[in-house]
Amino acid sequence: MSKVNHHASSAIKDFEKTEKGLKVTFQSGKSYLYEGVPANVILGLERAESKGRYFMAEIKPKYTATKIA
């Protein structure tokens, strides 16, 4: 698992690649697991200038989320 802390994003506190997909923790403290997110999409999030914009375009509308915290 690789955990990345991104304080530059106004919405995303951090995210972590897991065996099942992508765990995203928001500034609110709520965490969600987005299942089936492939490595290339996670890499795109890591490299994106705007994490929030990339997340809203490439992850949220395309992958199922389950609230985990």
N, C-alpha and C. Protein backbone atom coordinates (compact mmCIF):
# COMPACT_ATOMS: atom_id res chain seq x y z
N MET A 1 0.83 -1.18 0.00
CA MET A 1 0.00 0.00 0.00
C MET A 1 0.88 1.24 0.00
N SER A 2 0.53 2.19 -0.83
CA SER A 2 1.26 3.45 -0.83
C SER A 2 0.31 4.55 -0.41
N LYS A 3 0.73 5.33 0.57
CA LYS A 3 -0.11 6.41 1.08
C LYS A 3 0.53 7.73 0.68
N VAL A 4 -0.29 8.63 0.18
CA VAL A 4 0.20 9.92 -0.27
C VAL A 4 -0.59 11.00 0.43
N ASN A 5 0.10 11.96 1.03
CA ASN A 5 -0.54 13.06 1.72
C ASN A 5 -0.56 14.27 0.80
N HIS A 6 -1.73 14.86 0.62
CA HIS A 6 -1.87 15.96 -0.32
C HIS A 6 -2.59 17.13 0.33
N HIS A 7 -1.85 17.95 1.04
CA HIS A 7 -2.45 19.10 1.70
C HIS A 7 -2.77 20.21 0.70
N ALA A 8 -2.27 20.13 -0.52
CA ALA A 8 -2.52 21.16 -1.52
C ALA A 8 -3.96 21.14 -2.03
N SER A 9 -4.64 20.02 -1.88
CA SER A 9 -6.01 19.93 -2.36
C SER A 9 -6.97 20.50 -1.33
N SER A 10 -7.96 21.23 -1.82
CA SER A 10 -8.92 21.81 -0.90
C SER A 10 -9.91 20.77 -0.39
N ALA A 11 -10.10 19.68 -1.11
CA ALA A 11 -11.08 18.67 -0.71
C ALA A 11 -10.44 17.37 -0.24
N ILE A 12 -9.37 16.95 -0.88
CA ILE A 12 -8.75 15.66 -0.57
C ILE A 12 -7.62 15.84 0.43
N LYS A 13 -7.74 15.17 1.56
CA LYS A 13 -6.69 15.22 2.58
C LYS A 13 -5.56 14.28 2.21
N ASP A 14 -5.91 13.02 1.88
CA ASP A 14 -4.91 12.08 1.40
C ASP A 14 -5.60 10.91 0.69
N PHE A 15 -4.80 10.11 0.04
CA PHE A 15 -5.33 8.92 -0.62
C PHE A 15 -4.31 7.82 -0.56
N GLU A 16 -4.80 6.60 -0.67
CA GLU A 16 -3.95 5.43 -0.50
C GLU A 16 -4.41 4.31 -1.43
N LYS A 17 -3.47 3.75 -2.15
CA LYS A 17 -3.77 2.58 -2.99
C LYS A 17 -3.90 1.37 -2.08
N THR A 18 -4.97 0.59 -2.27
CA THR A 18 -5.17 -0.62 -1.49
C THR A 18 -5.32 -1.80 -2.45
N GLU A 19 -5.45 -2.99 -1.89
CA GLU A 19 -5.64 -4.18 -2.72
C GLU A 19 -6.94 -4.11 -3.51
N LYS A 20 -7.95 -3.43 -2.96
CA LYS A 20 -9.26 -3.36 -3.60
C LYS A 20 -9.45 -2.14 -4.49
N GLY A 21 -8.59 -1.15 -4.36
CA GLY A 21 -8.76 0.06 -5.16
C GLY A 21 -8.08 1.26 -4.55
N LEU A 22 -8.85 2.32 -4.33
CA LEU A 22 -8.29 3.59 -3.86
C LEU A 22 -9.08 4.08 -2.66
N LYS A 23 -8.38 4.29 -1.54
CA LYS A 23 -9.00 4.86 -0.35
C LYS A 23 -8.73 6.36 -0.38
N VAL A 24 -9.79 7.15 -0.31
CA VAL A 24 -9.65 8.61 -0.33
C VAL A 24 -10.20 9.15 0.98
N THR A 25 -9.40 9.98 1.65
CA THR A 25 -9.84 10.67 2.86
C THR A 25 -9.96 12.15 2.53
N PHE A 26 -11.12 12.69 2.83
CA PHE A 26 -11.39 14.09 2.54
C PHE A 26 -11.08 14.97 3.75
N GLN A 27 -10.96 16.27 3.53
CA GLN A 27 -10.65 17.20 4.60
C GLN A 27 -11.67 17.10 5.73
N SER A 28 -12.88 16.68 5.43
CA SER A 28 -13.94 16.51 6.44
C SER A 28 -13.65 15.35 7.39
N GLY A 29 -12.69 14.49 7.01
CA GLY A 29 -12.37 13.32 7.80
C GLY A 29 -13.06 12.06 7.31
N LYS A 30 -14.01 12.18 6.40
CA LYS A 30 -14.71 11.02 5.86
C LYS A 30 -13.81 10.31 4.85
N SER A 31 -13.85 8.97 4.89
CA SER A 31 -13.05 8.16 3.97
C SER A 31 -13.95 7.24 3.17
N TYR A 32 -13.56 7.05 1.92
CA TYR A 32 -14.31 6.19 1.00
C TYR A 32 -13.34 5.30 0.26
N LEU A 33 -13.81 4.09 -0.05
CA LEU A 33 -13.05 3.18 -0.89
C LEU A 33 -13.69 3.18 -2.26
N TYR A 34 -12.90 3.51 -3.27
CA TYR A 34 -13.34 3.47 -4.67
C TYR A 34 -12.77 2.18 -5.25
N GLU A 35 -13.64 1.20 -5.46
CA GLU A 35 -13.19 -0.13 -5.88
C GLU A 35 -12.83 -0.20 -7.35
N GLY A 36 -11.76 -0.95 -7.62
CA GLY A 36 -11.37 -1.23 -8.99
C GLY A 36 -10.63 -0.12 -9.71
N VAL A 37 -10.18 0.90 -8.99
CA VAL A 37 -9.44 1.98 -9.65
C VAL A 37 -8.07 1.44 -10.06
N PRO A 38 -7.75 1.45 -11.35
CA PRO A 38 -6.48 0.89 -11.81
C PRO A 38 -5.28 1.77 -11.46
N ALA A 39 -4.12 1.15 -11.48
CA ALA A 39 -2.88 1.83 -11.11
C ALA A 39 -2.62 3.08 -11.96
N ASN A 40 -2.95 3.03 -13.25
CA ASN A 40 -2.67 4.19 -14.10
C ASN A 40 -3.54 5.40 -13.72
N VAL A 41 -4.75 5.16 -13.23
CA VAL A 41 -5.61 6.26 -12.79
C VAL A 41 -5.10 6.83 -11.47
N ILE A 42 -4.64 5.96 -10.58
CA ILE A 42 -4.06 6.42 -9.31
C ILE A 42 -2.80 7.22 -9.58
N LEU A 43 -1.99 6.77 -10.52
CA LEU A 43 -0.79 7.52 -10.90
C LEU A 43 -1.17 8.89 -11.45
N GLY A 44 -2.21 8.94 -12.24
CA GLY A 44 -2.69 10.22 -12.75
C GLY A 44 -3.10 11.15 -11.63
N LEU A 45 -3.74 10.62 -10.59
CA LEU A 45 -4.11 11.43 -9.43
C LEU A 45 -2.87 11.93 -8.71
N GLU A 46 -1.89 11.06 -8.53
CA GLU A 46 -0.64 11.46 -7.88
C GLU A 46 0.04 12.61 -8.62
N ARG A 47 -0.01 12.57 -9.95
CA ARG A 47 0.70 13.55 -10.77
C ARG A 47 -0.12 14.79 -11.11
N ALA A 48 -1.42 14.75 -10.84
CA ALA A 48 -2.30 15.85 -11.23
C ALA A 48 -1.96 17.14 -10.48
N GLU A 49 -1.99 18.23 -11.22
CA GLU A 49 -1.76 19.54 -10.61
C GLU A 49 -2.89 19.87 -9.65
N SER A 50 -4.11 19.54 -10.04
CA SER A 50 -5.27 19.72 -9.18
C SER A 50 -5.85 18.35 -8.85
N LYS A 51 -5.60 17.88 -7.63
CA LYS A 51 -6.09 16.56 -7.22
C LYS A 51 -7.61 16.52 -7.24
N GLY A 52 -8.24 17.57 -6.73
CA GLY A 52 -9.70 17.61 -6.68
C GLY A 52 -10.34 17.57 -8.05
N ARG A 53 -9.79 18.32 -8.98
CA ARG A 53 -10.33 18.35 -10.34
C ARG A 53 -10.17 17.00 -11.03
N TYR A 54 -9.00 16.40 -10.87
CA TYR A 54 -8.76 15.07 -11.46
C TYR A 54 -9.71 14.05 -10.84
N PHE A 55 -9.83 14.08 -9.53
CA PHE A 55 -10.72 13.15 -8.83
C PHE A 55 -12.15 13.28 -9.34
N MET A 56 -12.64 14.50 -9.47
CA MET A 56 -14.02 14.73 -9.91
C MET A 56 -14.24 14.30 -11.36
N ALA A 57 -13.21 14.37 -12.19
CA ALA A 57 -13.36 14.01 -13.61
C ALA A 57 -13.10 12.53 -13.89
N GLU A 58 -12.13 11.95 -13.19
CA GLU A 58 -11.65 10.62 -13.57
C GLU A 58 -11.99 9.50 -12.59
N ILE A 59 -12.38 9.83 -11.37
CA ILE A 59 -12.61 8.77 -10.38
C ILE A 59 -14.06 8.77 -9.88
N LYS A 60 -14.52 9.86 -9.34
CA LYS A 60 -15.85 9.89 -8.72
C LYS A 60 -16.96 9.42 -9.66
N PRO A 61 -17.02 9.89 -10.91
CA PRO A 61 -18.13 9.46 -11.77
C PRO A 61 -17.98 8.06 -12.37
N LYS A 62 -16.81 7.44 -12.21
CA LYS A 62 -16.54 6.18 -12.91
C LYS A 62 -16.41 4.96 -12.01
N TYR A 63 -16.25 5.16 -10.70
CA TYR A 63 -16.02 4.04 -9.79
C TYR A 63 -16.98 4.11 -8.61
N THR A 64 -17.38 2.95 -8.13
CA THR A 64 -18.31 2.86 -7.01
C THR A 64 -17.60 3.13 -5.70
N ALA A 65 -18.20 3.97 -4.88
CA ALA A 65 -17.63 4.34 -3.58
C ALA A 65 -18.39 3.67 -2.45
N THR A 66 -17.62 3.25 -1.44
CA THR A 66 -18.18 2.71 -0.21
C THR A 66 -17.60 3.52 0.94
N LYS A 67 -18.45 4.07 1.80
CA LYS A 67 -17.97 4.84 2.94
C LYS A 67 -17.34 3.89 3.94
N ILE A 68 -16.12 4.22 4.39
CA ILE A 68 -15.43 3.35 5.34
C ILE A 68 -15.13 4.03 6.67
N ALA A 69 -15.26 5.33 6.74
CA ALA A 69 -15.03 6.04 8.02
C ALA A 69 -15.72 7.38 7.98
